Amino acid sequence: MAVREGLLVLLTDGPLHGYGLKSSFEHATGGVWPLNVGQVYTTLERLERDGFVEASQADEGQRAWRLTDRGREEVGEWWWAIPGEEPPPRDELVLKILLSLAGDRDHALEVIGHHRDALLGLLAQRRRQAKGRRRADADGLASELVVDVLVLRAEADIRWLDLCEERVTNAGAPGDSTEPVVRHRKRRGDRR
């Protein structure tokens, strides 16, 4: 979710000032997406420029922001839009594994193993956190769901790394650990 859409959603219940939006956004996202109040105001100014919100003077001279009809339409469309996913997902773990394939097999396997070990430790920590949060967090459906998604994503990343290890191990001839895992095509005129 982009900050832009999050602020629009929060304004569907009525006008809020910038700091109220910041606090509401952080609470709604389970505290895992902190916002800088400057980012909130910059985003609100862009939303106003685009005709999705309008500002009015509220108590003590603060500006209160409210949705326009166009903003309500934008929120309605956003709820039902399917998030795009460009293959492969652009995250640091995927990038590290893909780039490690340009090196030798042993290096790629070492990178995969290192990240799997780190994720296994993180997964154990998140599972403990999930148990503790469920017992302690009275207001926290959002917090609970955030911990759940972190656990599930770590489990998915570990499964993916297991698959990477299997494929890298099975790529090429046995004992051929000095060859790059991904063989680059020679370009015309390349004498290598």
C-alpha atoms as a PDB file:
ATOM      1  CA  MET A   1       0.000   0.000   0.000  1.00  0.00           C
ATOM      2  CA  ALA A   2       1.338   3.363  -0.893  1.00  0.00           C
ATOM      3  CA  VAL A   3       1.149   6.195   1.596  1.00  0.00           C
ATOM      4  CA  ARG A   4      -1.023   8.093  -0.867  1.00  0.00           C
ATOM      5  CA  GLU A   5      -3.773   5.468  -0.877  1.00  0.00           C
ATOM      6  CA  GLY A   6      -3.468   4.944   2.868  1.00  0.00           C
ATOM      7  CA  LEU A   7      -4.130   8.606   3.573  1.00  0.00           C
ATOM      8  CA  LEU A   8      -7.100   8.629   1.211  1.00  0.00           C
ATOM      9  CA  VAL A   9      -8.586   5.579   2.941  1.00  0.00           C
ATOM     10  CA  LEU A  10      -8.172   7.171   6.365  1.00  0.00           C
ATOM     11  CA  LEU A  11      -9.974  10.302   5.187  1.00  0.00           C
ATOM     12  CA  THR A  12     -13.093   8.318   4.215  1.00  0.00           C
ATOM     13  CA  ASP A  13     -14.242   8.508   7.848  1.00  0.00           C
ATOM     14  CA  GLY A  14     -14.040  12.306   7.895  1.00  0.00           C
ATOM     15  CA  PRO A  15     -11.591  15.200   7.980  1.00  0.00           C
ATOM     16  CA  LEU A  16      -8.278  14.886   9.828  1.00  0.00           C
ATOM     17  CA  HIS A  17      -5.239  17.082  10.258  1.00  0.00           C
ATOM     18  CA  GLY A  18      -1.791  15.898   9.193  1.00  0.00           C
ATOM     19  CA  TYR A  19      -0.578  14.611  12.538  1.00  0.00           C
ATOM     20  CA  GLY A  20      -3.862  12.759  13.069  1.00  0.00           C
ATOM     21  CA  LEU A  21      -3.383  11.090   9.686  1.00  0.00           C
ATOM     22  CA  LYS A  22       0.185  10.130  10.602  1.00  0.00           C
ATOM     23  CA  SER A  23      -0.954   8.552  13.883  1.00  0.00           C
ATOM     24  CA  SER A  24      -3.936   6.801  12.285  1.00  0.00           C
ATOM     25  CA  PHE A  25      -1.781   5.418   9.465  1.00  0.00           C
ATOM     26  CA  GLU A  26       0.809   4.034  11.889  1.00  0.00           C
ATOM     27  CA  HIS A  27      -1.893   2.471  14.074  1.00  0.00           C
ATOM     28  CA  ALA A  28      -3.729   0.984  11.059  1.00  0.00           C
ATOM     29  CA  THR A  29      -0.515  -0.609   9.763  1.00  0.00           C
ATOM     30  CA  GLY A  30       0.273  -2.259  13.090  1.00  0.00           C
ATOM     31  CA  GLY A  31       3.120   0.135  13.851  1.00  0.00           C
ATOM     32  CA  VAL A  32       5.412  -1.351  11.205  1.00  0.00           C
ATOM     33  CA  TRP A  33       5.136   1.544   8.757  1.00  0.00           C
ATOM     34  CA  PRO A  34       6.229   4.729  10.524  1.00  0.00           C
ATOM     35  CA  LEU A  35       5.687   7.978   8.672  1.00  0.00           C
ATOM     36  CA  ASN A  36       7.500  11.265   8.838  1.00  0.00           C
ATOM     37  CA  VAL A  37       4.953  14.040   9.337  1.00  0.00           C
ATOM     38  CA  GLY A  38       6.673  15.963   6.512  1.00  0.00           C
ATOM     39  CA  GLN A  39       5.972  13.039   4.181  1.00  0.00           C
ATOM     40  CA  VAL A  40       2.307  13.188   5.189  1.00  0.00           C
ATOM     41  CA  TYR A  41       2.021  16.902   4.376  1.00  0.00           C
ATOM     42  CA  THR A  42       3.914  16.538   1.090  1.00  0.00           C
ATOM     43  CA  THR A  43       1.591  13.702   0.065  1.00  0.00           C
ATOM     44  CA  LEU A  44      -1.486  15.718   1.102  1.00  0.00           C
ATOM     45  CA  GLU A  45      -0.326  18.679  -0.992  1.00  0.00           C
ATOM     46  CA  ARG A  46       0.026  16.401  -4.041  1.00  0.00           C
ATOM     47  CA  LEU A  47      -3.406  14.886  -3.367  1.00  0.00           C
ATOM     48  CA  GLU A  48      -4.839  18.405  -3.156  1.00  0.00           C
ATOM     49  CA  ARG A  49      -3.123  19.386  -6.409  1.00  0.00           C
ATOM     50  CA  ASP A  50      -4.646  16.295  -8.077  1.00  0.00           C
ATOM     51  CA  GLY A  51      -8.125  17.101  -6.750  1.00  0.00           C
ATOM     52  CA  PHE A  52      -8.477  14.130  -4.353  1.00  0.00           C
ATOM     53  CA  VAL A  53      -8.516  16.122  -1.096  1.00  0.00           C
ATOM     54  CA  GLU A  54      -9.147  19.669   0.003  1.00  0.00           C
ATOM     55  CA  ALA A  55      -7.968  21.559   3.045  1.00  0.00           C
ATOM     56  CA  SER A  56      -9.851  23.845   5.397  1.00  0.00           C
ATOM     57  CA  GLN A  57      -8.821  25.726   8.516  1.00  0.00           C
ATOM     58  CA  ALA A  58      -9.629  23.776  11.660  1.00  0.00           C
ATOM     59  CA  ASP A  59      -9.208  24.661  15.328  1.00  0.00           C
ATOM     60  CA  GLU A  60      -6.084  26.488  16.354  1.00  0.00           C
ATOM     61  CA  GLY A  61      -5.266  27.384  12.752  1.00  0.00           C
ATOM     62  CA  GLN A  62      -4.371  23.817  11.722  1.00  0.00           C
ATOM     63  CA  ARG A  63      -5.486  22.603   8.324  1.00  0.00           C
ATOM     64  CA  ALA A  64      -7.943  19.732   8.259  1.00  0.00           C
ATOM     65  CA  TRP A  65      -8.057  17.576   5.147  1.00  0.00           C
ATOM     66  CA  ARG A  66     -11.123  15.928   3.668  1.00  0.00           C
ATOM     67  CA  LEU A  67     -11.831  13.767   0.625  1.00  0.00           C
ATOM     68  CA  THR A  68     -13.403  15.241  -2.457  1.00  0.00           C
ATOM     69  CA  ASP A  69     -15.837  13.249  -4.590  1.00  0.00           C
ATOM     70  CA  ARG A  70     -12.931  12.497  -6.907  1.00  0.00           C
ATOM     71  CA  GLY A  71     -10.948  11.225  -3.902  1.00  0.00           C
ATOM     72  CA  ARG A  72     -13.805   8.885  -2.920  1.00  0.00           C
ATOM     73  CA  GLU A  73     -13.829   7.494  -6.471  1.00  0.00           C
ATOM     74  CA  GLU A  74     -10.061   6.977  -6.301  1.00  0.00           C
ATOM     75  CA  VAL A  75     -10.362   5.028  -3.012  1.00  0.00           C
ATOM     76  CA  GLY A  76     -13.161   2.904  -4.466  1.00  0.00           C
ATOM     77  CA  GLU A  77     -11.068   2.013  -7.502  1.00  0.00           C
ATOM     78  CA  TRP A  78      -8.003   1.295  -5.357  1.00  0.00           C
ATOM     79  CA  TRP A  79      -9.814  -1.224  -3.149  1.00  0.00           C
ATOM     80  CA  TRP A  80     -10.536  -3.455  -6.134  1.00  0.00           C
ATOM     81  CA  ALA A  81      -7.370  -2.954  -8.193  1.00  0.00           C
ATOM     82  CA  ILE A  82      -5.190  -6.067  -8.314  1.00  0.00           C
ATOM     83  CA  PRO A  83      -1.599  -5.281  -7.220  1.00  0.00           C
ATOM     84  CA  GLY A  84       0.908  -5.647 -10.028  1.00  0.00           C
ATOM     85  CA  GLU A  85       3.907  -7.903  -9.732  1.00  0.00           C
ATOM     86  CA  GLU A  86       6.814  -7.562 -12.076  1.00  0.00           C
ATOM     87  CA  PRO A  87       8.789 -10.781 -12.498  1.00  0.00           C
ATOM     88  CA  PRO A  88      11.053 -11.383 -10.703  1.00  0.00           C
ATOM     89  CA  PRO A  89      10.040  -9.548  -7.536  1.00  0.00           C
ATOM     90  CA  ARG A  90      12.443  -6.696  -6.908  1.00  0.00           C
ATOM     91  CA  ASP A  91      13.708  -7.319  -3.438  1.00  0.00           C
ATOM     92  CA  GLU A  92      17.229  -7.487  -2.111  1.00  0.00           C
ATOM     93  CA  LEU A  93      17.235 -11.217  -1.368  1.00  0.00           C
ATOM     94  CA  VAL A  94      16.169 -12.113  -4.917  1.00  0.00           C
ATOM     95  CA  LEU A  95      18.760  -9.727  -6.351  1.00  0.00           C
ATOM     96  CA  LYS A  96      21.577 -11.211  -4.227  1.00  0.00           C
ATOM     97  CA  ILE A  97      20.739 -14.762  -5.250  1.00  0.00           C
ATOM     98  CA  LEU A  98      20.431 -13.897  -8.941  1.00  0.00           C
ATOM     99  CA  LEU A  99      23.733 -12.001  -8.928  1.00  0.00           C
ATOM    100  CA  SER A 100      25.492 -14.789  -7.024  1.00  0.00           C
ATOM    101  CA  LEU A 101      24.706 -17.069  -9.961  1.00  0.00           C
ATOM    102  CA  ALA A 102      27.161 -15.087 -12.091  1.00  0.00           C
ATOM    103  CA  GLY A 103      29.945 -16.391  -9.828  1.00  0.00           C
ATOM    104  CA  ASP A 104      31.021 -19.942  -9.240  1.00  0.00           C
ATOM    105  CA  ARG A 105      28.641 -22.578  -7.882  1.00  0.00           C
ATOM    106  CA  ASP A 106      30.317 -22.732  -4.461  1.00  0.00           C
ATOM    107  CA  HIS A 107      29.862 -18.994  -3.972  1.00  0.00           C
ATOM    108  CA  ALA A 108      26.206 -19.156  -5.005  1.00  0.00           C
ATOM    109  CA  LEU A 109      25.575 -22.042  -2.603  1.00  0.00           C
ATOM    110  CA  GLU A 110      27.375 -20.168   0.178  1.00  0.00           C
ATOM    111  CA  VAL A 111      25.194 -17.061  -0.365  1.00  0.00           C
ATOM    112  CA  ILE A 112      22.032 -19.194  -0.429  1.00  0.00           C
ATOM    113  CA  GLY A 113      23.033 -21.057   2.740  1.00  0.00           C
ATOM    114  CA  HIS A 114      23.955 -17.879   4.591  1.00  0.00           C
ATOM    115  CA  HIS A 115      20.603 -16.253   3.850  1.00  0.00           C
ATOM    116  CA  ARG A 116      18.651 -19.414   4.655  1.00  0.00           C
ATOM    117  CA  ASP A 117      20.391 -19.662   8.053  1.00  0.00           C
ATOM    118  CA  ALA A 118      19.657 -15.999   8.768  1.00  0.00           C
ATOM    119  CA  LEU A 119      16.007 -16.441   7.764  1.00  0.00           C
ATOM    120  CA  LEU A 120      15.640 -19.550   9.939  1.00  0.00           C
ATOM    121  CA  GLY A 121      16.825 -17.507  12.923  1.00  0.00           C
ATOM    122  CA  LEU A 122      14.521 -14.645  11.993  1.00  0.00           C
ATOM    123  CA  LEU A 123      11.612 -17.057  11.550  1.00  0.00           C
ATOM    124  CA  ALA A 124      12.132 -18.479  15.044  1.00  0.00           C
ATOM    125  CA  GLN A 125      12.243 -14.947  16.445  1.00  0.00           C
ATOM    126  CA  ARG A 126       9.055 -13.956  14.594  1.00  0.00           C
ATOM    127  CA  ARG A 127       7.226 -17.065  15.786  1.00  0.00           C
ATOM    128  CA  ARG A 128       8.140 -16.212  19.390  1.00  0.00           C
ATOM    129  CA  GLN A 129       7.028 -12.640  18.723  1.00  0.00           C
ATOM    130  CA  ALA A 130       3.721 -13.890  17.299  1.00  0.00           C
ATOM    131  CA  LYS A 131       3.014 -15.979  20.408  1.00  0.00           C
ATOM    132  CA  GLY A 132       3.925 -13.121  22.734  1.00  0.00           C
ATOM    133  CA  ARG A 133       1.926 -10.561  20.806  1.00  0.00           C
ATOM    134  CA  ARG A 134      -1.203 -12.703  20.713  1.00  0.00           C
ATOM    135  CA  ARG A 135      -1.127 -12.919  24.495  1.00  0.00           C
ATOM    136  CA  ALA A 136      -0.191  -9.285  25.172  1.00  0.00           C
ATOM    137  CA  ASP A 137      -1.788  -7.221  22.424  1.00  0.00           C
ATOM    138  CA  ALA A 138      -5.376  -6.379  23.279  1.00  0.00           C
ATOM    139  CA  ASP A 139      -5.906  -3.829  20.506  1.00  0.00           C
ATOM    140  CA  GLY A 140      -3.792  -5.546  17.960  1.00  0.00           C
ATOM    141  CA  LEU A 141      -5.551  -7.293  15.127  1.00  0.00           C
ATOM    142  CA  ALA A 142      -3.434  -5.187  12.747  1.00  0.00           C
ATOM    143  CA  SER A 143      -0.276  -5.987  14.737  1.00  0.00           C
ATOM    144  CA  GLU A 144      -1.166  -9.670  14.812  1.00  0.00           C
ATOM    145  CA  LEU A 145      -1.742  -9.757  11.060  1.00  0.00           C
ATOM    146  CA  VAL A 146       1.594  -8.003  10.452  1.00  0.00           C
ATOM    147  CA  VAL A 147       3.444 -10.623  12.497  1.00  0.00           C
ATOM    148  CA  ASP A 148       1.554 -13.363  10.637  1.00  0.00           C
ATOM    149  CA  VAL A 149       2.591 -12.018   7.229  1.00  0.00           C
ATOM    150  CA  LEU A 150       6.213 -11.685   8.370  1.00  0.00           C
ATOM    151  CA  VAL A 151       6.219 -15.328   9.493  1.00  0.00           C
ATOM    152  CA  LEU A 152       4.618 -16.532   6.261  1.00  0.00           C
ATOM    153  CA  ARG A 153       6.981 -14.484   4.081  1.00  0.00           C
ATOM    154  CA  ALA A 154      10.016 -15.824   5.932  1.00  0.00           C
ATOM    155  CA  GLU A 155       8.701 -19.371   5.439  1.00  0.00           C
ATOM    156  CA  ALA A 156       8.164 -18.673   1.717  1.00  0.00           C
ATOM    157  CA  ASP A 157      11.675 -17.195   1.340  1.00  0.00           C
ATOM    158  CA  ILE A 158      13.177 -20.256   3.040  1.00  0.00           C
ATOM    159  CA  ARG A 159      11.289 -22.599   0.687  1.00  0.00           C
ATOM    160  CA  TRP A 160      12.491 -20.525  -2.279  1.00  0.00           C
ATOM    161  CA  LEU A 161      16.105 -20.696  -1.052  1.00  0.00           C
ATOM    162  CA  ASP A 162      15.780 -24.492  -0.693  1.00  0.00           C
ATOM    163  CA  LEU A 163      14.626 -24.634  -4.318  1.00  0.00           C
ATOM    164  CA  CYS A 164      17.500 -22.363  -5.391  1.00  0.00           C
ATOM    165  CA  GLU A 165      19.999 -24.624  -3.661  1.00  0.00           C
ATOM    166  CA  GLU A 166      18.559 -27.693  -5.368  1.00  0.00           C
ATOM    167  CA  ARG A 167      18.662 -26.074  -8.796  1.00  0.00           C
ATOM    168  CA  VAL A 168      22.157 -24.647  -8.389  1.00  0.00           C
ATOM    169  CA  THR A 169      23.428 -28.005  -7.127  1.00  0.00           C
ATOM    170  CA  ASN A 170      21.919 -29.796 -10.124  1.00  0.00           C
ATOM    171  CA  ALA A 171      23.135 -27.215 -12.700  1.00  0.00           C
ATOM    172  CA  GLY A 172      26.073 -28.323 -14.837  1.00  0.00           C
ATOM    173  CA  ALA A 173      28.451 -31.224 -14.431  1.00  0.00           C
ATOM    174  CA  PRO A 174      29.200 -32.718 -10.999  1.00  0.00           C
ATOM    175  CA  GLY A 175      32.360 -31.264  -9.456  1.00  0.00           C
ATOM    176  CA  ASP A 176      32.297 -28.291 -11.817  1.00  0.00           C
ATOM    177  CA  SER A 177      32.258 -25.680  -9.052  1.00  0.00           C
ATOM    178  CA  THR A 178      34.628 -23.209 -10.714  1.00  0.00           C
ATOM    179  CA  GLU A 179      32.424 -22.513 -13.707  1.00  0.00           C
ATOM    180  CA  PRO A 180      29.875 -19.727 -13.427  1.00  0.00           C
ATOM    181  CA  VAL A 181      26.428 -21.091 -12.623  1.00  0.00           C
ATOM    182  CA  VAL A 182      24.973 -18.830 -15.303  1.00  0.00           C
ATOM    183  CA  ARG A 183      26.957 -19.059 -18.500  1.00  0.00           C
ATOM    184  CA  HIS A 184      27.058 -15.779 -20.380  1.00  0.00           C
ATOM    185  CA  ARG A 185      26.583 -15.895 -24.145  1.00  0.00           C
ATOM    186  CA  LYS A 186      29.482 -14.648 -26.173  1.00  0.00           C
ATOM    187  CA  ARG A 187      28.733 -11.579 -28.201  1.00  0.00           C
ATOM    188  CA  ARG A 188      29.786 -11.331 -31.804  1.00  0.00           C
ATOM    189  CA  GLY A 189      33.464 -10.415 -31.872  1.00  0.00           C
ATOM    190  CA  ASP A 190      34.021 -11.513 -28.248  1.00  0.00           C
ATOM    191  CA  ARG A 191      37.193 -13.665 -28.169  1.00  0.00           C
ATOM    192  CA  ARG A 192      36.798 -15.105 -24.681  1.00  0.00           C
END
